Amino acid sequence: MPKFAAAICLSVLFSAATLPGVASAAEGGATRADAEAMVKKGVAYIKSAGDAKAYGEITAKSPQFILHDLYLVVYKLDGTVAAHGANPKMVGKNLIELKDIDGKAFVKERVELAKSKGTFWQEYKFTNPESKKIEPKVMYCEKLADTVVCGGIYL
């Protein structure tokens, strides 16, 4: 490879590794922008296809609702899971009292933020479905009628 081509390749790699969000995408993880786009896509799909069809596709891990470690979750405002893109066994369960490893009642907080803000980012710790390790996570959520649609990324 000519020296200038190698220098360009190194420059591109260095630039990608130092841009926020790009490094995690290069490492195989989704970005904040991916999470926002996925939630917006999910909200639009729920509005157009209806709850039952959309929740079924989210829970069935439809490729349009999965990107690396990013998946959608839909909660009713009482904390009951309506759809879960990583664990179908959670659907129908009320997780309002669920706490992360640090004792944070993140589902309760999520529901309260949905009621008060409508659109928000939330931080907590959760098991990454790809690494199987508990990792810091940031979740983007949008309130839709009596639900909150969320998609998160691992940091």
N, C-alpha and C. Protein backbone atom coordinates (compact mmCIF):
# COMPACT_ATOMS: atom_id res chain seq x y z
N MET A 1 0.86 -1.17 0.00
CA MET A 1 0.00 0.00 0.00
C MET A 1 0.91 1.24 0.00
N PRO A 2 0.64 2.20 -0.88
CA PRO A 2 1.44 3.43 -0.89
C PRO A 2 1.33 4.16 0.45
N LYS A 3 2.41 4.90 0.79
CA LYS A 3 2.44 5.58 2.09
C LYS A 3 1.27 6.55 2.27
N PHE A 4 0.91 7.29 1.21
CA PHE A 4 -0.18 8.25 1.37
C PHE A 4 -1.51 7.53 1.63
N ALA A 5 -1.73 6.37 1.04
CA ALA A 5 -2.96 5.61 1.27
C ALA A 5 -3.01 5.12 2.71
N ALA A 6 -1.88 4.65 3.21
CA ALA A 6 -1.81 4.19 4.60
C ALA A 6 -2.08 5.36 5.55
N ALA A 7 -1.53 6.53 5.23
CA ALA A 7 -1.74 7.71 6.07
C ALA A 7 -3.21 8.12 6.08
N ILE A 8 -3.87 8.04 4.92
CA ILE A 8 -5.29 8.38 4.84
C ILE A 8 -6.10 7.39 5.68
N CYS A 9 -5.79 6.09 5.54
CA CYS A 9 -6.50 5.07 6.33
C CYS A 9 -6.35 5.33 7.82
N LEU A 10 -5.13 5.63 8.27
CA LEU A 10 -4.90 5.91 9.69
C LEU A 10 -5.65 7.16 10.13
N SER A 11 -5.67 8.17 9.27
CA SER A 11 -6.36 9.41 9.59
C SER A 11 -7.86 9.16 9.75
N VAL A 12 -8.45 8.38 8.85
CA VAL A 12 -9.88 8.07 8.92
C VAL A 12 -10.18 7.27 10.18
N LEU A 13 -9.34 6.27 10.48
CA LEU A 13 -9.55 5.47 11.68
C LEU A 13 -9.45 6.32 12.93
N PHE A 14 -8.44 7.20 12.99
CA PHE A 14 -8.28 8.06 14.16
C PHE A 14 -9.48 8.99 14.31
N SER A 15 -9.94 9.58 13.20
CA SER A 15 -11.08 10.48 13.25
C SER A 15 -12.32 9.75 13.74
N ALA A 16 -12.57 8.57 13.22
CA ALA A 16 -13.75 7.81 13.63
C ALA A 16 -13.68 7.44 15.10
N ALA A 17 -12.50 7.12 15.57
CA ALA A 17 -12.35 6.70 16.97
C ALA A 17 -12.49 7.86 17.95
N THR A 18 -12.31 9.09 17.48
CA THR A 18 -12.37 10.23 18.40
C THR A 18 -13.68 11.00 18.32
N LEU A 19 -14.55 10.68 17.38
CA LEU A 19 -15.83 11.35 17.30
C LEU A 19 -16.81 10.71 18.27
N PRO A 20 -17.60 11.50 19.01
CA PRO A 20 -18.57 10.92 19.94
C PRO A 20 -19.59 10.07 19.19
N GLY A 21 -19.88 8.89 19.70
CA GLY A 21 -20.86 8.02 19.10
C GLY A 21 -20.30 7.15 18.00
N VAL A 22 -19.31 7.64 17.26
CA VAL A 22 -18.76 6.86 16.17
C VAL A 22 -17.93 5.71 16.69
N ALA A 23 -17.19 5.92 17.75
CA ALA A 23 -16.35 4.86 18.30
C ALA A 23 -17.19 3.68 18.75
N SER A 24 -18.32 3.94 19.43
CA SER A 24 -19.14 2.82 19.88
C SER A 24 -19.76 2.10 18.70
N ALA A 25 -20.12 2.83 17.66
CA ALA A 25 -20.66 2.17 16.48
C ALA A 25 -19.58 1.33 15.82
N ALA A 26 -18.35 1.84 15.78
CA ALA A 26 -17.25 1.09 15.18
C ALA A 26 -16.97 -0.17 15.98
N GLU A 27 -17.23 -0.12 17.30
CA GLU A 27 -17.01 -1.28 18.15
C GLU A 27 -18.21 -2.22 18.15
N GLY A 28 -19.25 -1.90 17.40
CA GLY A 28 -20.39 -2.78 17.29
C GLY A 28 -21.62 -2.36 18.08
N GLY A 29 -21.52 -1.25 18.82
CA GLY A 29 -22.66 -0.80 19.60
C GLY A 29 -23.41 0.31 18.88
N ALA A 30 -24.65 0.51 19.30
CA ALA A 30 -25.47 1.58 18.74
C ALA A 30 -25.10 2.91 19.41
N THR A 31 -25.53 4.00 18.81
CA THR A 31 -25.24 5.35 19.30
C THR A 31 -26.51 6.00 19.83
N ARG A 32 -26.34 7.16 20.47
CA ARG A 32 -27.50 7.94 20.94
C ARG A 32 -28.42 8.29 19.77
N ALA A 33 -27.82 8.68 18.65
CA ALA A 33 -28.63 9.02 17.47
C ALA A 33 -29.41 7.80 16.99
N ASP A 34 -28.79 6.62 17.05
CA ASP A 34 -29.49 5.38 16.67
C ASP A 34 -30.69 5.16 17.58
N ALA A 35 -30.49 5.37 18.89
CA ALA A 35 -31.57 5.16 19.86
C ALA A 35 -32.74 6.11 19.59
N GLU A 36 -32.44 7.38 19.37
CA GLU A 36 -33.50 8.34 19.08
C GLU A 36 -34.25 7.96 17.81
N ALA A 37 -33.51 7.61 16.77
CA ALA A 37 -34.13 7.24 15.49
C ALA A 37 -34.99 5.98 15.65
N MET A 38 -34.50 5.00 16.40
CA MET A 38 -35.25 3.75 16.59
C MET A 38 -36.54 4.01 17.36
N VAL A 39 -36.49 4.82 18.40
CA VAL A 39 -37.69 5.12 19.18
C VAL A 39 -38.70 5.87 18.30
N LYS A 40 -38.23 6.83 17.53
CA LYS A 40 -39.13 7.58 16.66
C LYS A 40 -39.76 6.65 15.62
N LYS A 41 -38.97 5.71 15.08
CA LYS A 41 -39.50 4.74 14.13
C LYS A 41 -40.55 3.86 14.82
N GLY A 42 -40.27 3.43 16.05
CA GLY A 42 -41.21 2.60 16.80
C GLY A 42 -42.51 3.34 17.09
N VAL A 43 -42.42 4.59 17.51
CA VAL A 43 -43.61 5.39 17.79
C VAL A 43 -44.45 5.53 16.52
N ALA A 44 -43.81 5.85 15.42
CA ALA A 44 -44.54 6.00 14.14
C ALA A 44 -45.19 4.68 13.74
N TYR A 45 -44.48 3.58 13.94
CA TYR A 45 -45.04 2.28 13.56
C TYR A 45 -46.22 1.90 14.45
N ILE A 46 -46.11 2.15 15.74
CA ILE A 46 -47.22 1.86 16.65
C ILE A 46 -48.45 2.67 16.24
N LYS A 47 -48.25 3.95 15.89
CA LYS A 47 -49.37 4.80 15.46
C LYS A 47 -50.00 4.28 14.18
N SER A 48 -49.19 3.80 13.24
CA SER A 48 -49.74 3.37 11.94
C SER A 48 -50.26 1.93 11.95
N ALA A 49 -49.58 1.02 12.63
CA ALA A 49 -49.95 -0.40 12.59
C ALA A 49 -50.89 -0.80 13.72
N GLY A 50 -50.92 0.00 14.78
CA GLY A 50 -51.72 -0.35 15.94
C GLY A 50 -50.89 -1.08 16.98
N ASP A 51 -51.36 -1.01 18.23
CA ASP A 51 -50.62 -1.57 19.35
C ASP A 51 -50.30 -3.05 19.18
N ALA A 52 -51.31 -3.87 18.94
CA ALA A 52 -51.12 -5.33 18.93
C ALA A 52 -50.07 -5.75 17.90
N LYS A 53 -50.21 -5.27 16.67
CA LYS A 53 -49.26 -5.66 15.62
C LYS A 53 -47.85 -5.15 15.93
N ALA A 54 -47.75 -3.88 16.31
CA ALA A 54 -46.44 -3.28 16.57
C ALA A 54 -45.76 -3.94 17.77
N TYR A 55 -46.51 -4.14 18.86
CA TYR A 55 -45.92 -4.76 20.04
C TYR A 55 -45.45 -6.17 19.72
N GLY A 56 -46.22 -6.88 18.91
CA GLY A 56 -45.82 -8.23 18.51
C GLY A 56 -44.52 -8.24 17.72
N GLU A 57 -44.37 -7.28 16.81
CA GLU A 57 -43.14 -7.22 16.01
C GLU A 57 -41.94 -6.78 16.84
N ILE A 58 -42.15 -5.85 17.74
CA ILE A 58 -41.05 -5.41 18.63
C ILE A 58 -40.59 -6.60 19.47
N THR A 59 -41.53 -7.32 20.06
CA THR A 59 -41.20 -8.45 20.93
C THR A 59 -40.61 -9.61 20.15
N ALA A 60 -41.03 -9.79 18.89
CA ALA A 60 -40.51 -10.87 18.05
C ALA A 60 -39.14 -10.53 17.46
N LYS A 61 -38.58 -9.41 17.88
CA LYS A 61 -37.26 -8.97 17.44
C LYS A 61 -37.20 -8.75 15.93
N SER A 62 -38.23 -8.11 15.39
CA SER A 62 -38.25 -7.75 13.98
C SER A 62 -36.99 -6.95 13.68
N PRO A 63 -36.29 -7.28 12.59
CA PRO A 63 -35.02 -6.60 12.27
C PRO A 63 -35.11 -5.07 12.22
N GLN A 64 -36.30 -4.54 11.93
CA GLN A 64 -36.43 -3.08 11.89
C GLN A 64 -36.35 -2.45 13.28
N PHE A 65 -36.47 -3.27 14.33
CA PHE A 65 -36.44 -2.75 15.70
C PHE A 65 -35.26 -3.29 16.50
N ILE A 66 -34.23 -3.76 15.82
CA ILE A 66 -33.02 -4.25 16.48
C ILE A 66 -31.81 -3.69 15.74
N LEU A 67 -30.84 -3.17 16.48
CA LEU A 67 -29.59 -2.70 15.89
C LEU A 67 -28.49 -2.91 16.91
N HIS A 68 -27.62 -3.87 16.63
CA HIS A 68 -26.55 -4.22 17.56
C HIS A 68 -27.14 -4.53 18.95
N ASP A 69 -26.80 -3.71 19.94
CA ASP A 69 -27.30 -3.91 21.30
C ASP A 69 -28.53 -3.04 21.61
N LEU A 70 -29.09 -2.40 20.58
CA LEU A 70 -30.25 -1.52 20.72
C LEU A 70 -31.53 -2.27 20.36
N TYR A 71 -32.51 -2.18 21.25
CA TYR A 71 -33.82 -2.77 21.02
C TYR A 71 -34.86 -1.87 21.68
N LEU A 72 -36.12 -2.06 21.34
CA LEU A 72 -37.18 -1.25 21.93
C LEU A 72 -37.87 -1.97 23.07
N VAL A 73 -38.37 -1.17 24.02
CA VAL A 73 -39.19 -1.64 25.13
C VAL A 73 -40.36 -0.65 25.23
N VAL A 74 -41.56 -1.19 25.43
CA VAL A 74 -42.74 -0.34 25.63
C VAL A 74 -43.35 -0.69 26.98
N TYR A 75 -43.52 0.34 27.82
CA TYR A 75 -44.14 0.18 29.13
C TYR A 75 -45.47 0.93 29.15
N LYS A 76 -46.46 0.34 29.81
CA LYS A 76 -47.66 1.10 30.14
C LYS A 76 -47.27 2.01 31.30
N LEU A 77 -48.05 3.04 31.52
CA LEU A 77 -47.68 4.02 32.54
C LEU A 77 -47.86 3.51 33.97
N ASP A 78 -48.31 2.25 34.12
CA ASP A 78 -48.34 1.64 35.46
C ASP A 78 -47.12 0.75 35.69
N GLY A 79 -46.21 0.68 34.68
CA GLY A 79 -45.00 -0.11 34.81
C GLY A 79 -45.08 -1.50 34.18
N THR A 80 -46.21 -1.83 33.57
CA THR A 80 -46.37 -3.14 32.92
C THR A 80 -45.72 -3.12 31.54
N VAL A 81 -44.96 -4.16 31.23
CA VAL A 81 -44.29 -4.26 29.93
C VAL A 81 -45.31 -4.65 28.86
N ALA A 82 -45.42 -3.83 27.81
CA ALA A 82 -46.31 -4.10 26.69
C ALA A 82 -45.56 -4.78 25.55
N ALA A 83 -44.27 -4.48 25.41
CA ALA A 83 -43.43 -5.08 24.36
C ALA A 83 -41.99 -5.03 24.84
N HIS A 84 -41.21 -6.05 24.49
CA HIS A 84 -39.81 -6.09 24.92
C HIS A 84 -38.98 -6.76 23.85
N GLY A 85 -38.10 -5.99 23.23
CA GLY A 85 -37.31 -6.48 22.11
C GLY A 85 -36.13 -7.36 22.48
N ALA A 86 -35.87 -7.58 23.76
CA ALA A 86 -34.76 -8.45 24.16
C ALA A 86 -35.23 -9.66 24.96
N ASN A 87 -36.37 -9.54 25.63
CA ASN A 87 -36.82 -10.63 26.50
C ASN A 87 -38.35 -10.74 26.48
N PRO A 88 -38.90 -11.59 25.60
CA PRO A 88 -40.35 -11.72 25.49
C PRO A 88 -41.03 -12.18 26.79
N LYS A 89 -40.28 -12.82 27.70
CA LYS A 89 -40.85 -13.28 28.97
C LYS A 89 -41.26 -12.12 29.87
N MET A 90 -40.78 -10.90 29.58
CA MET A 90 -41.12 -9.73 30.39
C MET A 90 -42.49 -9.16 30.04
N VAL A 91 -43.01 -9.46 28.85
CA VAL A 91 -44.29 -8.90 28.41
C VAL A 91 -45.40 -9.32 29.37
N GLY A 92 -46.17 -8.34 29.81
CA GLY A 92 -47.27 -8.59 30.73
C GLY A 92 -46.90 -8.45 32.20
N LYS A 93 -45.60 -8.36 32.49
CA LYS A 93 -45.15 -8.24 33.88
C LYS A 93 -45.09 -6.77 34.30
N ASN A 94 -45.51 -6.51 35.52
CA ASN A 94 -45.40 -5.16 36.05
C ASN A 94 -44.05 -5.05 36.76
N LEU A 95 -43.20 -4.18 36.24
CA LEU A 95 -41.83 -4.03 36.74
C LEU A 95 -41.61 -2.70 37.45
N ILE A 96 -42.68 -2.08 37.93
CA ILE A 96 -42.59 -0.74 38.52
C ILE A 96 -41.59 -0.69 39.67
N GLU A 97 -41.41 -1.78 40.40
CA GLU A 97 -40.49 -1.80 41.54
C GLU A 97 -39.09 -2.33 41.19
N LEU A 98 -38.85 -2.66 39.92
CA LEU A 98 -37.55 -3.20 39.51
C LEU A 98 -36.45 -2.19 39.75
N LYS A 99 -35.35 -2.66 40.34
CA LYS A 99 -34.22 -1.77 40.64
C LYS A 99 -32.97 -2.29 39.95
N ASP A 100 -32.07 -1.36 39.61
CA ASP A 100 -30.80 -1.77 39.04
C ASP A 100 -29.84 -2.16 40.17
N ILE A 101 -28.63 -2.51 39.83
CA ILE A 101 -27.64 -2.99 40.80
C ILE A 101 -27.33 -1.95 41.88
N ASP A 102 -27.56 -0.67 41.57
CA ASP A 102 -27.31 0.40 42.53
C ASP A 102 -28.55 0.75 43.36
N GLY A 103 -29.64 0.01 43.15
CA GLY A 103 -30.85 0.27 43.90
C GLY A 103 -31.77 1.31 43.29
N LYS A 104 -31.49 1.74 42.08
CA LYS A 104 -32.31 2.75 41.40
C LYS A 104 -33.57 2.08 40.84
N ALA A 105 -34.73 2.57 41.22
CA ALA A 105 -36.01 2.07 40.70
C ALA A 105 -36.25 2.70 39.33
N PHE A 106 -35.56 2.17 38.32
CA PHE A 106 -35.51 2.83 37.02
C PHE A 106 -36.83 2.77 36.25
N VAL A 107 -37.64 1.74 36.44
CA VAL A 107 -38.93 1.68 35.74
C VAL A 107 -39.87 2.73 36.35
N LYS A 108 -39.89 2.83 37.66
CA LYS A 108 -40.72 3.85 38.33
C LYS A 108 -40.29 5.24 37.87
N GLU A 109 -38.97 5.48 37.84
CA GLU A 109 -38.46 6.77 37.39
C GLU A 109 -38.85 7.02 35.93
N ARG A 110 -38.75 6.01 35.10
CA ARG A 110 -39.08 6.13 33.67
C ARG A 110 -40.54 6.53 33.48
N VAL A 111 -41.42 5.89 34.21
CA VAL A 111 -42.85 6.18 34.12
C VAL A 111 -43.12 7.61 34.60
N GLU A 112 -42.48 8.01 35.69
CA GLU A 112 -42.66 9.37 36.21
C GLU A 112 -42.14 10.41 35.23
N LEU A 113 -40.98 10.14 34.61
CA LEU A 113 -40.43 11.06 33.61
C LEU A 113 -41.34 11.14 32.39
N ALA A 114 -41.91 10.02 31.99
CA ALA A 114 -42.83 10.03 30.84
C ALA A 114 -44.04 10.91 31.14
N LYS A 115 -44.56 10.81 32.35
CA LYS A 115 -45.73 11.61 32.74
C LYS A 115 -45.39 13.10 32.83
N SER A 116 -44.19 13.42 33.32
CA SER A 116 -43.85 14.83 33.54
C SER A 116 -43.15 15.50 32.35
N LYS A 117 -42.33 14.75 31.62
CA LYS A 117 -41.54 15.36 30.54
C LYS A 117 -42.00 14.94 29.14
N GLY A 118 -42.41 13.70 28.98
CA GLY A 118 -42.83 13.21 27.67
C GLY A 118 -41.69 12.63 26.87
N THR A 119 -40.60 13.37 26.72
CA THR A 119 -39.42 12.92 25.97
C THR A 119 -38.20 13.15 26.85
N PHE A 120 -37.35 12.14 26.99
CA PHE A 120 -36.22 12.27 27.92
C PHE A 120 -35.17 11.19 27.71
N TRP A 121 -34.00 11.41 28.31
CA TRP A 121 -32.93 10.42 28.43
C TRP A 121 -32.86 10.01 29.89
N GLN A 122 -32.59 8.74 30.14
CA GLN A 122 -32.49 8.22 31.51
C GLN A 122 -31.26 7.32 31.61
N GLU A 123 -30.53 7.43 32.73
CA GLU A 123 -29.35 6.61 32.96
C GLU A 123 -29.60 5.60 34.08
N TYR A 124 -29.10 4.39 33.89
CA TYR A 124 -29.17 3.34 34.91
C TYR A 124 -28.21 2.23 34.49
N LYS A 125 -28.22 1.12 35.20
CA LYS A 125 -27.35 -0.02 34.84
C LYS A 125 -28.23 -1.23 34.53
N PHE A 126 -27.83 -1.97 33.48
CA PHE A 126 -28.65 -3.10 33.03
C PHE A 126 -27.76 -4.12 32.33
N THR A 127 -28.25 -5.33 32.22
CA THR A 127 -27.49 -6.40 31.55
C THR A 127 -27.53 -6.20 30.04
N ASN A 128 -26.37 -6.09 29.43
CA ASN A 128 -26.25 -5.98 27.98
C ASN A 128 -26.54 -7.35 27.37
N PRO A 129 -27.51 -7.45 26.45
CA PRO A 129 -27.85 -8.75 25.88
C PRO A 129 -26.73 -9.36 25.03
N GLU A 130 -25.79 -8.54 24.57
CA GLU A 130 -24.68 -9.06 23.77
C GLU A 130 -23.52 -9.53 24.65
N SER A 131 -23.14 -8.73 25.65
CA SER A 131 -21.99 -9.08 26.49
C SER A 131 -22.39 -9.93 27.69
N LYS A 132 -23.69 -9.89 28.05
CA LYS A 132 -24.23 -10.58 29.24
C LYS A 132 -23.67 -10.00 30.54
N LYS A 133 -23.13 -8.78 30.48
CA LYS A 133 -22.58 -8.12 31.66
C LYS A 133 -23.45 -6.93 32.03
N ILE A 134 -23.49 -6.59 33.32
CA ILE A 134 -24.19 -5.39 33.76
C ILE A 134 -23.32 -4.20 33.39
N GLU A 135 -23.92 -3.26 32.64
CA GLU A 135 -23.19 -2.11 32.13
C GLU A 135 -24.02 -0.84 32.30
N PRO A 136 -23.35 0.31 32.33
CA PRO A 136 -24.10 1.57 32.33
C PRO A 136 -24.90 1.66 31.03
N LYS A 137 -26.12 2.15 31.15
CA LYS A 137 -27.01 2.26 29.99
C LYS A 137 -27.69 3.61 30.02
N VAL A 138 -27.94 4.17 28.85
CA VAL A 138 -28.70 5.40 28.73
C VAL A 138 -29.86 5.10 27.78
N MET A 139 -31.07 5.46 28.24
CA MET A 139 -32.29 5.11 27.53
C MET A 139 -32.99 6.37 27.05
N TYR A 140 -33.33 6.39 25.75
CA TYR A 140 -34.12 7.49 25.20
C TYR A 140 -35.57 7.03 25.16
N CYS A 141 -36.49 7.87 25.65
CA CYS A 141 -37.90 7.49 25.73
C CYS A 141 -38.81 8.60 25.24
N GLU A 142 -39.94 8.18 24.67
CA GLU A 142 -40.99 9.11 24.27
C GLU A 142 -42.33 8.56 24.75
N LYS A 143 -43.13 9.44 25.37
CA LYS A 143 -44.46 9.05 25.81
C LYS A 143 -45.36 8.99 24.58
N LEU A 144 -46.18 7.94 24.52
CA LEU A 144 -47.17 7.77 23.45
C LEU A 144 -48.46 7.30 24.10
N ALA A 145 -49.45 8.19 24.13
CA ALA A 145 -50.73 7.90 24.79
C ALA A 145 -50.48 7.46 26.23
N ASP A 146 -50.89 6.23 26.58
CA ASP A 146 -50.70 5.74 27.96
C ASP A 146 -49.51 4.79 28.07
N THR A 147 -48.52 5.00 27.19
CA THR A 147 -47.31 4.17 27.21
C THR A 147 -46.07 5.06 27.09
N VAL A 148 -44.91 4.42 27.30
CA VAL A 148 -43.63 5.07 27.06
C VAL A 148 -42.80 4.09 26.22
N VAL A 149 -42.31 4.58 25.07
CA VAL A 149 -41.54 3.77 24.13
C VAL A 149 -40.07 4.15 24.31
N CYS A 150 -39.23 3.16 24.54
CA CYS A 150 -37.83 3.44 24.88
C CYS A 150 -36.86 2.55 24.09
N GLY A 151 -35.68 3.09 23.87
CA GLY A 151 -34.58 2.35 23.27
C GLY A 151 -33.29 2.85 23.89
N GLY A 152 -32.43 1.94 24.30
CA GLY A 152 -31.23 2.38 25.01
C GLY A 152 -29.95 1.84 24.44
N ILE A 153 -28.88 2.49 24.83
CA ILE A 153 -27.54 2.07 24.41
C ILE A 153 -26.68 1.85 25.65
N TYR A 154 -25.72 0.98 25.49
CA TYR A 154 -24.79 0.68 26.58
C TYR A 154 -23.55 1.55 26.39
N LEU A 155 -23.04 2.07 27.50
CA LEU A 155 -21.89 2.98 27.46
C LEU A 155 -20.59 2.26 27.70
